[in-house]
Amino acid sequence: MGKADIIIGIDPDTNMSGVARLDVQERKTWADTLPFPLLIQYRLTVMKTARMQGKTVMVVSNNNSAIENVVEKMERYNMGF
């Protein structure tokens, strides 16, 4: 895999989930906690926006089921890899 333009790190939890975003080119970071449903929506929005801008996104997590969820959503919305 080549370099990603945006890196999203997620630490999902049923109550509050940690999320961090790094925009590599702009050298900007953002981190927050979100309820799990908002974490999923945030991640999808970032990925859709990045794709429309021709950017690549890398999603990382210490939780395998979180990555499986990313793959499932990408397939559901025909976002590809």
Protein backbone atom coordinates (compact mmCIF):
# COMPACT_ATOMS: atom_id res chain seq x y z
CA MET A 1 0.00 0.00 0.00
CA GLY A 2 1.26 3.46 -0.86
CA LYS A 3 1.05 6.59 1.19
CA ALA A 4 -2.38 7.67 2.39
CA ASP A 5 -3.54 11.28 2.20
CA ILE A 6 -5.71 10.92 5.29
CA ILE A 7 -5.21 8.54 8.20
CA ILE A 8 -8.07 7.77 10.58
CA GLY A 9 -7.36 5.96 13.84
CA ILE A 10 -10.34 4.52 15.68
CA ASP A 11 -10.75 2.95 19.11
CA PRO A 12 -14.38 1.79 19.10
CA ASP A 13 -16.37 1.27 22.27
CA THR A 14 -20.09 0.84 22.84
CA ASN A 15 -20.33 4.00 24.97
CA MET A 16 -17.75 6.44 23.67
CA SER A 17 -15.25 5.81 20.90
CA GLY A 18 -11.93 7.52 20.30
CA VAL A 19 -11.17 8.84 16.84
CA ALA A 20 -8.19 10.71 15.42
CA ARG A 21 -7.66 12.07 11.93
CA LEU A 22 -4.42 13.17 10.28
CA ASP A 23 -4.46 15.06 6.99
CA VAL A 24 -0.95 14.30 5.80
CA GLN A 25 -0.64 17.03 3.13
CA GLU A 26 -2.12 19.80 5.27
CA ARG A 27 -0.36 18.53 8.42
CA LYS A 28 -3.56 18.93 10.44
CA THR A 29 -4.77 16.62 13.17
CA TRP A 30 -8.08 16.26 14.95
CA ALA A 31 -8.98 13.97 17.84
CA ASP A 32 -12.18 13.51 19.81
CA THR A 33 -14.51 11.03 21.41
CA LEU A 34 -17.80 10.22 19.73
CA PRO A 35 -20.72 7.93 20.47
CA PHE A 36 -20.32 4.77 18.39
CA PRO A 37 -23.06 5.61 15.81
CA LEU A 38 -21.45 9.02 15.18
CA LEU A 39 -18.03 7.37 14.83
CA ILE A 40 -19.36 5.22 12.00
CA GLN A 41 -21.02 8.20 10.31
CA TYR A 42 -17.91 10.37 10.71
CA ARG A 43 -15.68 7.69 9.21
CA LEU A 44 -17.99 7.18 6.22
CA THR A 45 -18.28 10.93 5.61
CA VAL A 46 -14.49 11.40 5.66
CA MET A 47 -14.01 8.46 3.31
CA LYS A 48 -16.67 9.63 0.84
CA THR A 49 -15.35 13.20 0.83
CA ALA A 50 -11.76 12.03 0.37
CA ARG A 51 -12.75 9.78 -2.50
CA MET A 52 -14.57 12.64 -4.25
CA GLN A 53 -11.38 14.72 -3.89
CA GLY A 54 -9.21 11.91 -5.28
CA LYS A 55 -7.53 11.32 -1.92
CA THR A 56 -6.70 8.01 -0.29
CA VAL A 57 -7.69 7.05 3.25
CA MET A 58 -6.12 4.59 5.65
CA VAL A 59 -8.17 3.41 8.63
CA VAL A 60 -6.26 1.88 11.53
CA SER A 61 -7.46 0.32 14.76
CA ASN A 62 -6.33 -2.05 17.46
CA ASN A 63 -9.70 -3.79 17.05
CA ASN A 64 -10.10 -6.29 14.17
CA SER A 65 -13.91 -6.06 14.20
CA ALA A 66 -13.65 -2.30 13.62
CA ILE A 67 -11.60 -2.92 10.47
CA GLU A 68 -14.04 -5.61 9.35
CA ASN A 69 -16.82 -3.05 9.78
CA VAL A 70 -14.92 -0.61 7.54
CA VAL A 71 -14.60 -3.27 4.83
CA GLU A 72 -18.31 -4.13 5.13
CA LYS A 73 -19.38 -0.49 4.80
CA MET A 74 -17.05 0.10 1.85
CA GLU A 75 -18.52 -2.90 0.05
CA ARG A 76 -22.07 -1.83 0.90
CA TYR A 77 -21.52 1.65 -0.56
CA ASN A 78 -19.42 0.42 -3.52
CA MET A 79 -16.40 2.40 -2.35
CA GLY A 80 -13.82 -0.25 -3.25
CA PHE A 81 -10.28 -0.54 -1.93
